[in-house]
N, C-alpha and C. Protein backbone atom coordinates (compact mmCIF):
# COMPACT_ATOMS: atom_id res chain seq x y z
N MET A 1 0.83 -1.15 0.08
CA MET A 1 -0.06 -0.01 0.07
C MET A 1 0.92 1.22 -0.05
N ASN A 2 0.51 2.18 -0.86
CA ASN A 2 1.34 3.45 -0.88
C ASN A 2 0.63 4.48 -0.14
N VAL A 3 1.35 4.91 0.91
CA VAL A 3 0.78 6.03 1.81
C VAL A 3 1.65 7.08 1.81
N LEU A 4 1.09 8.21 1.41
CA LEU A 4 1.68 9.53 1.26
C LEU A 4 1.30 10.58 2.34
N THR A 5 2.34 11.11 2.99
CA THR A 5 2.02 12.12 4.06
C THR A 5 2.21 13.45 3.32
N VAL A 6 1.25 14.37 3.45
CA VAL A 6 1.28 15.75 2.97
C VAL A 6 1.22 16.68 4.14
N ILE A 7 2.07 17.71 4.26
CA ILE A 7 1.98 18.73 5.35
C ILE A 7 1.98 20.08 4.50
N PRO A 8 0.92 20.65 4.56
CA PRO A 8 0.84 22.09 4.06
C PRO A 8 1.50 23.01 4.96
N ALA A 9 2.30 23.87 4.31
CA ALA A 9 2.94 24.90 5.21
C ALA A 9 3.22 26.22 4.48
N ARG A 10 2.43 27.10 4.40
CA ARG A 10 2.63 28.40 3.58
C ARG A 10 3.38 29.29 4.54
N GLY A 11 3.98 30.21 3.84
CA GLY A 11 4.84 31.21 4.62
C GLY A 11 4.07 32.07 5.38
N GLY A 12 2.92 32.58 4.82
CA GLY A 12 2.11 33.63 5.52
C GLY A 12 1.32 33.16 6.74
N SER A 13 1.14 33.91 7.71
CA SER A 13 0.20 33.68 8.95
C SER A 13 0.09 34.95 9.63
N LYS A 14 -1.16 35.16 10.17
CA LYS A 14 -1.60 36.49 10.61
C LYS A 14 -1.31 36.52 12.13
N ARG A 15 -1.69 35.69 12.96
CA ARG A 15 -1.73 35.76 14.45
C ARG A 15 -0.32 35.68 14.93
N ILE A 16 0.44 34.61 14.39
CA ILE A 16 1.83 34.39 14.71
C ILE A 16 2.69 34.41 13.47
N PRO A 17 3.29 35.69 13.17
CA PRO A 17 4.17 35.66 12.05
C PRO A 17 5.09 34.59 11.81
N ARG A 18 5.24 34.01 10.56
CA ARG A 18 6.26 32.98 10.38
C ARG A 18 6.01 31.75 11.25
N LYS A 19 4.85 31.51 11.55
CA LYS A 19 4.51 30.42 12.51
C LYS A 19 5.10 29.08 12.18
N ASN A 20 5.05 28.76 11.01
CA ASN A 20 5.58 27.36 10.77
C ASN A 20 6.93 27.15 10.87
N LEU A 21 7.78 28.20 11.03
CA LEU A 21 9.13 28.16 11.36
C LEU A 21 9.49 28.49 12.87
N LEU A 22 8.44 28.78 13.52
CA LEU A 22 8.56 29.28 15.07
C LEU A 22 9.31 28.07 15.76
N LYS A 23 10.34 28.46 16.54
CA LYS A 23 11.19 27.42 17.29
C LYS A 23 10.38 27.05 18.44
N LEU A 24 10.30 25.77 18.65
CA LEU A 24 9.75 25.16 19.86
C LEU A 24 10.79 24.12 20.41
N ASP A 25 11.24 24.37 21.69
CA ASP A 25 12.29 23.57 22.26
C ASP A 25 13.56 23.53 21.27
N GLY A 26 13.78 24.70 20.56
CA GLY A 26 14.82 24.65 19.60
C GLY A 26 14.75 24.18 18.25
N LYS A 27 13.45 23.62 17.87
CA LYS A 27 13.19 23.16 16.60
C LYS A 27 12.10 23.83 15.79
N PRO A 28 12.18 24.13 14.62
CA PRO A 28 11.10 24.81 13.99
C PRO A 28 9.83 23.86 14.06
N LEU A 29 8.76 24.63 14.01
CA LEU A 29 7.34 23.97 14.27
C LEU A 29 7.17 22.83 13.16
N ILE A 30 7.52 23.06 11.92
CA ILE A 30 7.24 22.13 10.87
C ILE A 30 8.15 20.95 11.10
N SER A 31 9.14 21.05 11.68
CA SER A 31 10.07 19.92 11.97
C SER A 31 9.45 18.65 12.72
N TYR A 32 8.46 19.13 13.65
CA TYR A 32 7.82 18.13 14.47
C TYR A 32 7.05 17.17 13.66
N SER A 33 6.13 17.65 12.73
CA SER A 33 5.29 16.96 11.93
C SER A 33 6.06 15.96 10.97
N ILE A 34 7.22 16.52 10.39
CA ILE A 34 8.00 15.75 9.50
C ILE A 34 8.72 14.63 10.37
N ALA A 35 9.17 14.94 11.54
CA ALA A 35 9.75 13.70 12.43
C ALA A 35 8.72 12.71 12.74
N HIS A 36 7.45 13.16 13.03
CA HIS A 36 6.34 12.19 13.30
C HIS A 36 6.07 11.27 12.07
N ALA A 37 5.98 11.94 10.93
CA ALA A 37 5.85 11.14 9.66
C ALA A 37 6.95 10.09 9.43
N LYS A 38 8.11 10.60 9.65
CA LYS A 38 9.38 9.73 9.41
C LYS A 38 9.38 8.53 10.36
N ARG A 39 8.85 8.66 11.63
CA ARG A 39 8.92 7.46 12.41
C ARG A 39 7.74 6.45 12.13
N SER A 40 6.84 6.87 11.17
CA SER A 40 5.79 5.92 10.89
C SER A 40 6.31 4.69 10.12
N LYS A 41 5.83 3.48 10.50
CA LYS A 41 6.16 2.40 9.62
C LYS A 41 5.34 2.19 8.40
N LEU A 42 4.25 2.87 8.30
CA LEU A 42 3.42 2.59 7.09
C LEU A 42 3.61 3.71 6.18
N VAL A 43 3.96 4.85 6.50
CA VAL A 43 4.14 6.03 5.45
C VAL A 43 5.27 5.75 4.53
N ASN A 44 5.06 5.88 3.31
CA ASN A 44 6.12 5.69 2.31
C ASN A 44 6.86 6.87 1.78
N ARG A 45 6.15 8.02 1.99
CA ARG A 45 6.66 9.21 1.24
C ARG A 45 6.01 10.34 2.07
N ILE A 46 6.97 11.56 2.14
CA ILE A 46 6.50 12.75 2.97
C ILE A 46 6.70 13.94 2.00
N VAL A 47 5.72 14.77 1.77
CA VAL A 47 5.83 15.95 0.99
C VAL A 47 5.29 17.07 1.77
N VAL A 48 6.15 18.24 1.69
CA VAL A 48 5.63 19.49 2.38
C VAL A 48 5.26 20.37 1.13
N SER A 49 3.96 20.84 1.27
CA SER A 49 3.45 21.84 0.15
C SER A 49 3.60 23.30 0.71
N THR A 50 4.57 24.00 0.00
CA THR A 50 4.89 25.29 0.39
C THR A 50 5.13 26.33 -0.66
N ASP A 51 5.01 27.67 -0.37
CA ASP A 51 5.21 28.70 -1.20
C ASP A 51 6.52 29.47 -0.70
N ASP A 52 7.23 28.89 0.25
CA ASP A 52 8.10 29.73 1.04
C ASP A 52 9.53 28.92 0.98
N GLU A 53 10.58 29.77 0.53
CA GLU A 53 12.00 29.22 0.31
C GLU A 53 12.40 28.65 1.77
N GLU A 54 12.28 29.39 2.82
CA GLU A 54 12.91 28.93 4.08
C GLU A 54 12.31 27.73 4.50
N ILE A 55 10.92 27.55 4.37
CA ILE A 55 10.22 26.41 4.78
C ILE A 55 10.70 25.24 3.95
N ALA A 56 10.83 25.46 2.66
CA ALA A 56 11.34 24.51 1.67
C ALA A 56 12.72 23.94 2.13
N TYR A 57 13.52 24.86 2.53
CA TYR A 57 14.88 24.54 2.95
C TYR A 57 14.95 23.71 4.28
N THR A 58 14.09 24.18 5.12
CA THR A 58 14.03 23.39 6.49
C THR A 58 13.51 22.06 6.20
N SER A 59 12.46 21.86 5.46
CA SER A 59 11.75 20.65 5.14
C SER A 59 12.79 19.65 4.48
N LYS A 60 13.35 20.07 3.53
CA LYS A 60 14.47 19.33 2.88
C LYS A 60 15.49 18.83 3.79
N LEU A 61 15.84 19.62 4.62
CA LEU A 61 16.90 19.30 5.63
C LEU A 61 16.47 18.30 6.56
N ASP A 62 15.22 18.32 6.92
CA ASP A 62 14.65 17.38 7.80
C ASP A 62 14.13 15.98 7.09
N GLY A 63 14.38 15.94 5.78
CA GLY A 63 14.14 14.69 5.10
C GLY A 63 12.89 14.63 4.23
N ALA A 64 12.15 15.73 4.09
CA ALA A 64 10.95 15.73 3.26
C ALA A 64 11.12 16.16 1.96
N GLU A 65 10.33 15.83 1.02
CA GLU A 65 10.25 16.41 -0.34
C GLU A 65 9.39 17.64 -0.30
N VAL A 66 9.63 18.36 -1.31
CA VAL A 66 8.82 19.65 -1.45
C VAL A 66 8.20 19.76 -2.67
N VAL A 67 6.87 19.99 -2.72
CA VAL A 67 6.08 20.49 -3.82
C VAL A 67 5.80 21.97 -3.79
N TRP A 68 6.18 22.78 -4.68
CA TRP A 68 5.96 24.23 -4.69
C TRP A 68 4.47 24.50 -4.88
N ARG A 69 3.95 25.26 -4.05
CA ARG A 69 2.40 25.61 -4.08
C ARG A 69 2.36 26.94 -4.88
N PRO A 70 1.49 26.96 -5.91
CA PRO A 70 1.19 28.18 -6.68
C PRO A 70 0.69 29.35 -5.73
N ARG A 71 0.97 30.51 -6.15
CA ARG A 71 0.55 31.77 -5.42
C ARG A 71 -0.93 31.66 -5.19
N GLU A 72 -1.69 31.35 -6.23
CA GLU A 72 -3.15 31.47 -6.03
C GLU A 72 -3.73 30.36 -5.00
N LEU A 73 -2.90 29.42 -4.55
CA LEU A 73 -3.39 28.52 -3.63
C LEU A 73 -2.62 28.68 -2.16
N SER A 74 -2.02 30.04 -2.06
CA SER A 74 -1.15 30.15 -0.86
C SER A 74 -1.79 31.28 -0.12
N GLY A 75 -2.82 31.95 -0.44
CA GLY A 75 -3.47 33.01 0.23
C GLY A 75 -4.24 32.59 1.54
N ASP A 76 -4.67 33.50 2.28
CA ASP A 76 -5.45 33.34 3.45
C ASP A 76 -6.78 32.43 3.19
N ALA A 77 -7.30 32.74 1.95
CA ALA A 77 -8.58 32.15 1.61
C ALA A 77 -8.49 30.67 1.02
N ALA A 78 -7.24 30.40 0.73
CA ALA A 78 -6.97 29.08 0.14
C ALA A 78 -7.24 27.84 1.15
N SER A 79 -7.94 26.85 0.66
CA SER A 79 -8.25 25.78 1.61
C SER A 79 -7.10 24.74 1.60
N SER A 80 -6.99 24.02 2.57
CA SER A 80 -6.00 23.01 2.75
C SER A 80 -6.15 21.98 1.67
N GLU A 81 -7.59 21.60 1.47
CA GLU A 81 -7.85 20.66 0.30
C GLU A 81 -7.22 21.14 -0.94
N SER A 82 -7.11 22.39 -1.30
CA SER A 82 -6.66 22.76 -2.61
C SER A 82 -5.10 22.44 -2.62
N ALA A 83 -4.40 22.60 -1.42
CA ALA A 83 -2.98 22.21 -1.46
C ALA A 83 -2.91 20.74 -1.61
N LEU A 84 -3.67 19.84 -0.92
CA LEU A 84 -3.52 18.44 -0.97
C LEU A 84 -3.77 17.94 -2.33
N ILE A 85 -4.87 18.49 -3.00
CA ILE A 85 -5.25 17.97 -4.38
C ILE A 85 -4.10 18.51 -5.35
N HIS A 86 -3.56 19.66 -5.17
CA HIS A 86 -2.43 20.04 -5.99
C HIS A 86 -1.31 19.14 -5.97
N VAL A 87 -0.95 18.60 -4.73
CA VAL A 87 0.10 17.68 -4.60
C VAL A 87 -0.23 16.39 -5.31
N LEU A 88 -1.44 15.83 -5.03
CA LEU A 88 -1.74 14.64 -5.76
C LEU A 88 -1.70 14.84 -7.28
N ASP A 89 -2.24 15.93 -7.84
CA ASP A 89 -2.20 16.24 -9.28
C ASP A 89 -0.91 16.33 -9.79
N TYR A 90 -0.02 16.97 -9.05
CA TYR A 90 1.48 17.35 -9.50
C TYR A 90 2.12 15.94 -9.56
N LEU A 91 2.04 15.14 -8.61
CA LEU A 91 2.83 13.78 -8.53
C LEU A 91 2.17 12.87 -9.58
N GLU A 92 0.92 13.04 -9.81
CA GLU A 92 0.40 12.02 -10.85
C GLU A 92 0.80 12.38 -12.26
N GLU A 93 0.85 13.80 -12.45
CA GLU A 93 1.25 14.27 -13.77
C GLU A 93 2.68 14.15 -14.06
N HIS A 94 3.49 14.39 -13.07
CA HIS A 94 4.94 14.26 -13.27
C HIS A 94 5.61 12.80 -13.09
N GLU A 95 4.91 12.02 -12.40
CA GLU A 95 5.59 10.71 -11.89
C GLU A 95 4.62 9.56 -12.08
N LYS A 96 3.40 9.86 -12.54
CA LYS A 96 2.42 8.78 -12.59
C LYS A 96 2.13 8.11 -11.28
N TYR A 97 2.31 8.84 -10.20
CA TYR A 97 2.22 8.43 -8.82
C TYR A 97 0.79 8.86 -8.21
N LEU A 98 0.22 7.84 -7.71
CA LEU A 98 -1.09 8.05 -6.99
C LEU A 98 -1.18 7.23 -5.77
N PRO A 99 -1.07 7.76 -4.56
CA PRO A 99 -1.02 6.89 -3.46
C PRO A 99 -2.55 6.26 -3.11
N ASP A 100 -2.38 5.28 -2.39
CA ASP A 100 -3.80 4.69 -1.96
C ASP A 100 -4.36 5.57 -0.84
N LEU A 101 -3.52 6.09 -0.01
CA LEU A 101 -3.98 6.77 1.18
C LEU A 101 -3.20 8.06 1.28
N LEU A 102 -3.68 9.07 1.63
CA LEU A 102 -3.05 10.40 1.98
C LEU A 102 -3.25 10.66 3.43
N VAL A 103 -2.13 10.82 4.17
CA VAL A 103 -2.17 11.27 5.63
C VAL A 103 -1.80 12.76 5.54
N PHE A 104 -2.78 13.47 5.91
CA PHE A 104 -2.71 15.02 6.09
C PHE A 104 -2.35 15.41 7.40
N LEU A 105 -1.15 15.98 7.73
CA LEU A 105 -0.74 16.41 8.93
C LEU A 105 -0.73 17.86 9.05
N GLN A 106 -1.32 18.58 9.98
CA GLN A 106 -1.14 19.88 10.14
C GLN A 106 0.02 20.33 11.02
N CYS A 107 0.98 21.16 10.59
CA CYS A 107 2.17 21.26 11.34
C CYS A 107 1.91 22.24 12.52
N THR A 108 0.73 22.66 12.78
CA THR A 108 0.26 23.44 14.03
C THR A 108 0.12 22.50 15.19
N SER A 109 0.18 21.13 14.84
CA SER A 109 -0.02 20.09 15.89
C SER A 109 1.29 19.44 16.16
N PRO A 110 2.19 20.00 17.09
CA PRO A 110 3.49 19.38 17.21
C PRO A 110 3.62 18.28 18.26
N LEU A 111 2.45 17.90 18.83
CA LEU A 111 2.49 16.86 19.92
C LEU A 111 1.82 15.73 19.24
N ARG A 112 2.45 14.56 19.13
CA ARG A 112 1.69 13.28 18.67
C ARG A 112 2.44 12.14 19.53
N ASN A 113 1.71 11.14 19.94
CA ASN A 113 2.36 9.91 20.44
C ASN A 113 3.10 9.13 19.36
N GLU A 114 3.93 8.30 19.68
CA GLU A 114 4.81 7.71 18.69
C GLU A 114 4.17 6.88 17.59
N ASN A 115 3.03 6.21 18.14
CA ASN A 115 2.25 5.34 17.20
C ASN A 115 0.90 5.93 16.60
N ASP A 116 0.75 7.25 16.82
CA ASP A 116 -0.51 7.84 16.48
C ASP A 116 -0.84 7.60 14.99
N ILE A 117 0.14 8.04 14.16
CA ILE A 117 -0.07 7.95 12.66
C ILE A 117 -0.44 6.60 12.26
N ASP A 118 0.39 5.62 12.49
CA ASP A 118 0.18 4.24 12.19
C ASP A 118 -1.21 3.76 12.74
N ASP A 119 -1.44 4.06 14.00
CA ASP A 119 -2.57 3.55 14.64
C ASP A 119 -3.78 4.18 13.93
N ALA A 120 -3.76 5.53 13.46
CA ALA A 120 -4.85 6.17 12.72
C ALA A 120 -5.07 5.40 11.42
N ILE A 121 -3.93 5.11 10.73
CA ILE A 121 -4.13 4.43 9.35
C ILE A 121 -4.58 2.93 9.58
N ASN A 122 -4.25 2.38 10.54
CA ASN A 122 -4.80 0.92 10.89
C ASN A 122 -6.29 1.07 11.26
N THR A 123 -6.51 2.08 11.84
CA THR A 123 -8.08 2.21 12.27
C THR A 123 -8.87 2.42 11.08
N LEU A 124 -8.48 3.14 10.12
CA LEU A 124 -9.25 3.40 8.85
C LEU A 124 -9.28 2.11 8.08
N ILE A 125 -8.22 1.31 7.95
CA ILE A 125 -8.17 -0.10 7.38
C ILE A 125 -9.07 -0.98 8.06
N LYS A 126 -8.97 -1.07 9.41
CA LYS A 126 -9.68 -2.07 10.16
C LYS A 126 -11.15 -1.92 10.07
N LEU A 127 -11.62 -0.53 10.07
CA LEU A 127 -13.06 -0.37 9.94
C LEU A 127 -13.52 -0.16 8.54
N ASN A 128 -12.76 -0.40 7.51
CA ASN A 128 -13.01 -0.42 6.18
C ASN A 128 -13.66 0.96 5.88
N ALA A 129 -13.03 2.12 6.11
CA ALA A 129 -13.51 3.30 6.25
C ALA A 129 -12.78 4.11 4.98
N ASP A 130 -13.27 5.24 4.62
CA ASP A 130 -12.85 5.99 3.51
C ASP A 130 -11.91 7.31 3.88
N SER A 131 -12.36 7.73 5.11
CA SER A 131 -11.62 8.87 5.55
C SER A 131 -11.74 8.81 7.21
N LEU A 132 -10.80 9.57 7.80
CA LEU A 132 -10.69 9.57 9.20
C LEU A 132 -10.16 10.89 9.80
N PHE A 133 -10.74 11.28 10.83
CA PHE A 133 -10.13 12.49 11.55
C PHE A 133 -9.78 12.15 12.99
N SER A 134 -8.75 12.90 13.48
CA SER A 134 -8.36 12.69 14.85
C SER A 134 -9.21 13.67 15.63
N ALA A 135 -9.46 13.33 16.90
CA ALA A 135 -10.31 14.16 17.82
C ALA A 135 -9.86 13.83 19.32
N ARG A 136 -10.54 14.69 20.19
CA ARG A 136 -10.40 14.42 21.61
C ARG A 136 -11.90 14.36 22.13
N ARG A 137 -11.97 13.61 23.23
CA ARG A 137 -13.32 13.55 23.89
C ARG A 137 -13.68 15.03 24.29
N PHE A 138 -14.92 15.23 24.21
CA PHE A 138 -15.34 16.65 24.65
C PHE A 138 -16.56 16.42 25.58
N LYS A 139 -16.30 17.02 26.84
CA LYS A 139 -17.30 17.09 27.86
C LYS A 139 -17.57 18.47 28.38
N LYS A 140 -18.02 19.23 27.51
CA LYS A 140 -18.35 20.54 27.81
C LYS A 140 -19.75 21.04 27.42
N TYR A 141 -20.40 22.03 28.18
CA TYR A 141 -21.63 22.61 27.88
C TYR A 141 -21.44 23.68 26.88
N ILE A 142 -22.17 23.58 25.71
CA ILE A 142 -21.97 24.73 24.66
C ILE A 142 -23.24 25.40 24.52
N TRP A 143 -23.10 26.72 24.36
CA TRP A 143 -24.23 27.73 24.35
C TRP A 143 -23.84 28.55 23.09
N GLN A 144 -24.95 29.15 22.55
CA GLN A 144 -24.74 30.12 21.47
C GLN A 144 -25.57 31.35 21.74
N LEU A 145 -24.98 32.56 21.17
CA LEU A 145 -25.72 33.74 21.36
C LEU A 145 -26.10 34.09 20.06
N LYS A 146 -27.48 34.37 19.86
CA LYS A 146 -28.14 34.83 18.60
C LYS A 146 -29.23 35.77 18.82
N ASP A 147 -29.10 36.94 18.25
CA ASP A 147 -30.18 38.02 18.40
C ASP A 147 -30.31 38.22 19.92
N ASP A 148 -29.20 38.34 20.70
CA ASP A 148 -29.15 38.64 22.01
C ASP A 148 -29.79 37.64 22.95
N LEU A 149 -30.03 36.52 22.41
CA LEU A 149 -30.58 35.42 23.30
C LEU A 149 -29.65 34.31 23.34
N VAL A 150 -29.47 33.65 24.39
CA VAL A 150 -28.53 32.55 24.57
C VAL A 150 -29.43 31.39 24.73
N SER A 151 -28.80 30.29 24.12
CA SER A 151 -29.42 29.01 24.16
C SER A 151 -28.49 27.88 24.09
N PRO A 152 -28.75 26.80 24.66
CA PRO A 152 -27.79 25.66 24.86
C PRO A 152 -27.90 24.91 23.44
N ILE A 153 -26.72 24.35 23.03
CA ILE A 153 -26.61 23.58 21.77
C ILE A 153 -26.65 22.07 22.07
N ASN A 154 -25.83 21.57 23.03
CA ASN A 154 -25.67 20.25 23.12
C ASN A 154 -26.12 19.49 24.47
N TYR A 155 -27.03 20.33 25.14
CA TYR A 155 -27.66 19.73 26.35
C TYR A 155 -28.83 20.50 26.81
N ASP A 156 -29.60 19.92 27.67
CA ASP A 156 -30.81 20.65 28.30
C ASP A 156 -30.48 21.13 29.69
N TYR A 157 -30.32 22.45 29.84
CA TYR A 157 -29.96 22.96 31.16
C TYR A 157 -30.80 22.59 32.35
N ASN A 158 -32.01 22.15 32.02
CA ASN A 158 -32.96 21.59 33.01
C ASN A 158 -32.63 20.25 33.46
N HIS A 159 -31.88 19.54 32.73
CA HIS A 159 -31.30 18.29 32.99
C HIS A 159 -29.86 18.08 32.84
N ARG A 160 -29.07 18.96 33.62
CA ARG A 160 -27.60 18.99 33.53
C ARG A 160 -26.93 17.57 33.62
N TRP A 161 -26.15 17.18 32.72
CA TRP A 161 -25.41 16.00 32.98
C TRP A 161 -24.27 16.20 34.01
N ARG A 162 -24.03 15.09 34.65
CA ARG A 162 -22.61 15.01 35.29
C ARG A 162 -21.66 14.69 34.28
N GLU A 163 -20.39 15.12 34.53
CA GLU A 163 -19.37 14.85 33.44
C GLU A 163 -19.21 13.34 32.91
N GLN A 164 -19.33 12.38 33.94
CA GLN A 164 -19.36 11.10 33.67
C GLN A 164 -20.58 10.54 32.71
N ASP A 165 -21.68 11.45 32.71
CA ASP A 165 -22.77 11.00 32.10
C ASP A 165 -22.94 11.53 30.61
N PHE A 166 -21.93 12.35 30.33
CA PHE A 166 -21.93 12.96 28.98
C PHE A 166 -22.06 11.87 27.82
N PRO A 167 -22.95 12.06 26.81
CA PRO A 167 -22.90 11.11 25.62
C PRO A 167 -21.44 11.19 25.05
N TYR A 168 -21.19 10.19 24.37
CA TYR A 168 -19.85 10.24 23.56
C TYR A 168 -19.83 11.31 22.44
N GLN A 169 -19.11 12.27 22.66
CA GLN A 169 -19.01 13.35 21.64
C GLN A 169 -17.51 13.83 21.55
N VAL A 170 -17.09 14.24 20.45
CA VAL A 170 -15.73 14.56 20.15
C VAL A 170 -15.52 16.04 19.46
N GLU A 171 -14.30 16.52 19.68
CA GLU A 171 -13.98 17.68 18.94
C GLU A 171 -12.87 17.37 18.02
N GLU A 172 -12.85 17.83 16.75
CA GLU A 172 -11.89 17.57 15.76
C GLU A 172 -10.69 18.28 16.38
N ASN A 173 -9.43 17.67 16.44
CA ASN A 173 -8.28 18.42 16.93
C ASN A 173 -7.35 18.81 15.88
N GLY A 174 -7.53 18.46 14.70
CA GLY A 174 -6.77 19.01 13.46
C GLY A 174 -5.43 18.28 13.31
N SER A 175 -5.10 17.24 14.10
CA SER A 175 -3.79 16.81 13.99
C SER A 175 -3.66 15.88 12.85
N ILE A 176 -4.36 14.80 12.65
CA ILE A 176 -4.11 13.83 11.66
C ILE A 176 -5.53 13.54 10.95
N TYR A 177 -5.30 13.51 9.59
CA TYR A 177 -6.54 13.10 8.71
C TYR A 177 -5.84 11.86 7.82
N VAL A 178 -6.65 10.93 7.57
CA VAL A 178 -6.25 9.86 6.56
C VAL A 178 -7.37 9.78 5.69
N ILE A 179 -7.08 9.84 4.30
CA ILE A 179 -7.97 9.85 3.26
C ILE A 179 -7.62 8.97 2.12
N LYS A 180 -8.54 8.21 1.59
CA LYS A 180 -8.43 7.52 0.41
C LYS A 180 -8.18 8.57 -0.67
N SER A 181 -7.27 8.52 -1.53
CA SER A 181 -7.00 9.49 -2.49
C SER A 181 -8.19 9.82 -3.55
N PHE A 182 -8.84 8.85 -3.89
CA PHE A 182 -9.97 9.02 -4.67
C PHE A 182 -11.14 9.82 -3.99
N ILE A 183 -11.23 9.67 -2.71
CA ILE A 183 -12.34 10.25 -1.99
C ILE A 183 -11.95 11.75 -1.87
N LEU A 184 -10.72 12.20 -1.56
CA LEU A 184 -10.30 13.52 -1.73
C LEU A 184 -10.48 14.18 -2.97
N LYS A 185 -10.23 13.64 -4.14
CA LYS A 185 -10.35 14.16 -5.35
C LYS A 185 -11.90 14.26 -5.85
N GLN A 186 -12.64 13.21 -5.40
CA GLN A 186 -14.06 13.05 -5.70
C GLN A 186 -14.81 14.25 -5.05
N TYR A 187 -14.54 14.42 -3.74
CA TYR A 187 -15.40 15.34 -3.04
C TYR A 187 -14.72 16.66 -2.73
N ASN A 188 -13.47 16.66 -3.13
CA ASN A 188 -12.77 18.07 -2.76
C ASN A 188 -12.82 18.35 -1.30
N ASN A 189 -12.66 17.19 -0.56
CA ASN A 189 -12.86 17.44 0.97
C ASN A 189 -11.98 16.40 1.71
N ARG A 190 -11.42 16.75 2.70
CA ARG A 190 -10.69 15.77 3.40
C ARG A 190 -11.53 14.61 4.19
N LEU A 191 -12.74 14.87 4.09
CA LEU A 191 -13.64 13.81 4.68
C LEU A 191 -14.83 13.63 3.68
N GLY A 192 -14.90 12.17 3.63
CA GLY A 192 -16.20 11.79 2.61
C GLY A 192 -16.25 10.28 2.84
N GLY A 193 -17.26 9.77 2.13
CA GLY A 193 -17.59 8.31 2.31
C GLY A 193 -17.78 8.02 3.73
N LYS A 194 -17.29 6.81 4.05
CA LYS A 194 -17.50 6.34 5.51
C LYS A 194 -16.39 6.96 6.32
N ILE A 195 -16.83 7.79 7.32
CA ILE A 195 -15.92 8.65 8.15
C ILE A 195 -15.83 7.91 9.40
N VAL A 196 -14.57 7.90 9.91
CA VAL A 196 -14.33 7.29 11.32
C VAL A 196 -13.50 8.21 12.13
N ILE A 197 -13.37 7.95 13.41
CA ILE A 197 -12.71 8.78 14.38
C ILE A 197 -11.38 8.05 14.92
N TYR A 198 -10.36 8.87 15.10
CA TYR A 198 -9.28 8.39 15.83
C TYR A 198 -8.98 9.25 17.09
N GLU A 199 -9.18 8.81 18.28
CA GLU A 199 -9.12 9.55 19.49
C GLU A 199 -7.71 9.81 19.99
N MET A 200 -7.46 11.06 20.44
CA MET A 200 -6.08 11.42 20.80
C MET A 200 -6.27 11.92 22.23
N ASP A 201 -5.11 12.04 22.88
CA ASP A 201 -5.19 12.69 24.19
C ASP A 201 -5.13 14.19 24.25
N GLU A 202 -5.29 14.74 25.52
CA GLU A 202 -5.51 16.19 25.53
C GLU A 202 -4.17 16.86 25.11
N PHE A 203 -3.06 16.49 25.49
CA PHE A 203 -1.88 17.18 25.05
C PHE A 203 -1.71 17.15 23.50
N CYS A 204 -2.01 15.96 22.85
CA CYS A 204 -1.86 15.73 21.48
C CYS A 204 -2.91 16.73 20.77
N SER A 205 -3.87 17.23 21.41
CA SER A 205 -4.93 17.96 20.71
C SER A 205 -4.66 19.48 20.77
N ILE A 206 -3.43 19.87 21.39
CA ILE A 206 -3.16 21.20 21.24
C ILE A 206 -2.75 21.63 19.82
N GLN A 207 -3.26 22.86 19.53
CA GLN A 207 -2.86 23.38 18.36
C GLN A 207 -2.08 24.68 18.55
N ILE A 208 -1.08 24.96 17.74
CA ILE A 208 -0.36 26.39 17.80
C ILE A 208 -1.21 27.42 17.11
N ASP A 209 -2.10 28.07 17.66
CA ASP A 209 -2.71 29.16 17.10
C ASP A 209 -2.50 30.62 17.77
N THR A 210 -2.01 30.61 19.07
CA THR A 210 -1.72 31.90 19.77
C THR A 210 -0.46 31.50 20.56
N TYR A 211 0.03 32.63 21.10
CA TYR A 211 1.41 32.66 21.86
C TYR A 211 1.01 31.87 23.19
N GLU A 212 -0.14 31.88 23.75
CA GLU A 212 -0.43 31.01 24.91
C GLU A 212 -0.24 29.51 24.48
N ASP A 213 -0.69 29.15 23.40
CA ASP A 213 -0.47 27.71 23.06
C ASP A 213 1.09 27.39 22.92
N VAL A 214 1.78 28.42 22.41
CA VAL A 214 3.36 28.18 22.35
C VAL A 214 3.85 27.92 23.81
N LEU A 215 3.51 28.89 24.82
CA LEU A 215 3.94 28.72 26.17
C LEU A 215 3.61 27.22 26.68
N LEU A 216 2.33 26.86 26.46
CA LEU A 216 1.95 25.61 26.93
C LEU A 216 2.75 24.55 26.40
N THR A 217 2.82 24.61 25.09
CA THR A 217 3.57 23.48 24.29
C THR A 217 4.97 23.42 24.80
N GLU A 218 5.69 24.61 24.83
CA GLU A 218 7.03 24.61 25.37
C GLU A 218 7.15 23.82 26.75
N HIS A 219 6.20 24.14 27.63
CA HIS A 219 6.19 23.48 28.90
C HIS A 219 6.04 21.91 28.87
N ILE A 220 5.18 21.55 28.04
CA ILE A 220 5.06 19.98 27.76
C ILE A 220 6.36 19.53 27.24
N LEU A 221 6.90 20.02 26.19
CA LEU A 221 8.07 19.45 25.64
C LEU A 221 9.18 19.52 26.54
N ASN A 222 9.21 20.51 27.53
CA ASN A 222 10.42 20.45 28.43
C ASN A 222 10.17 19.54 29.58
N ASN A 223 8.94 18.92 29.81
CA ASN A 223 8.70 18.28 31.02
C ASN A 223 8.15 16.83 30.71
N VAL A 224 7.68 16.49 29.49
CA VAL A 224 7.18 15.25 29.15
C VAL A 224 8.01 14.65 28.09
N LYS A 225 8.92 13.76 28.38
CA LYS A 225 9.93 13.19 27.48
C LYS A 225 9.50 12.58 26.25
N LYS A 226 8.31 11.92 26.27
CA LYS A 226 7.96 11.11 25.16
C LYS A 226 7.48 12.06 23.94
N TYR A 227 7.37 13.34 24.12
CA TYR A 227 6.84 14.30 23.07
C TYR A 227 8.11 14.82 22.35
N LYS A 228 9.28 14.55 22.83
CA LYS A 228 10.40 15.19 22.27
C LYS A 228 10.72 14.40 20.96
N VAL A 229 11.34 15.07 19.99
CA VAL A 229 11.64 14.42 18.69
C VAL A 229 13.19 14.64 18.40
């Protein structure tokens, strides 16, 4: 089975400038996802999709291939799916290469357990699914504000659950997606067909979106040995 990992990493970012090269415990953020893909026993190939020279240099130094992303797919409004499909189309056109599975890693998720990628792939295969997303268990009360009125979304406040009584519900954590290539191209979406979940722990569900996330992740990397790469 051919399993391709794609890590989209454009140069621009608004909240944290140059985020994908931000140093965490002395390593650029993108280096973590490349290292996680390299230690997988099932991934055959690792590609970084980027429009940025420095990200490309760092990625190659870490052992990944680079597919250059066109400018029209590199702006704030461009979807991750457009970058993934561009990689598939590029490799198919230039190498006649089309993987069976595509593993989409977001480099904003620098914490993964050693076997998470392979366990996610095996979950999709075992359940005969077409796509998979990683998630964390979610036991929170959600409300919405609309037209100055607040209302609950996921529970009845007249019958408040205890935490242990919450129904099984999850929140996508954005860390790992596994997709059959034809599903991605058919639906132009990372999810489609039979969708299944791969559950990850709280630490591995942290995404680097704010400077507070950076501080928290630095603390974990400095104190929990298994997350170091």
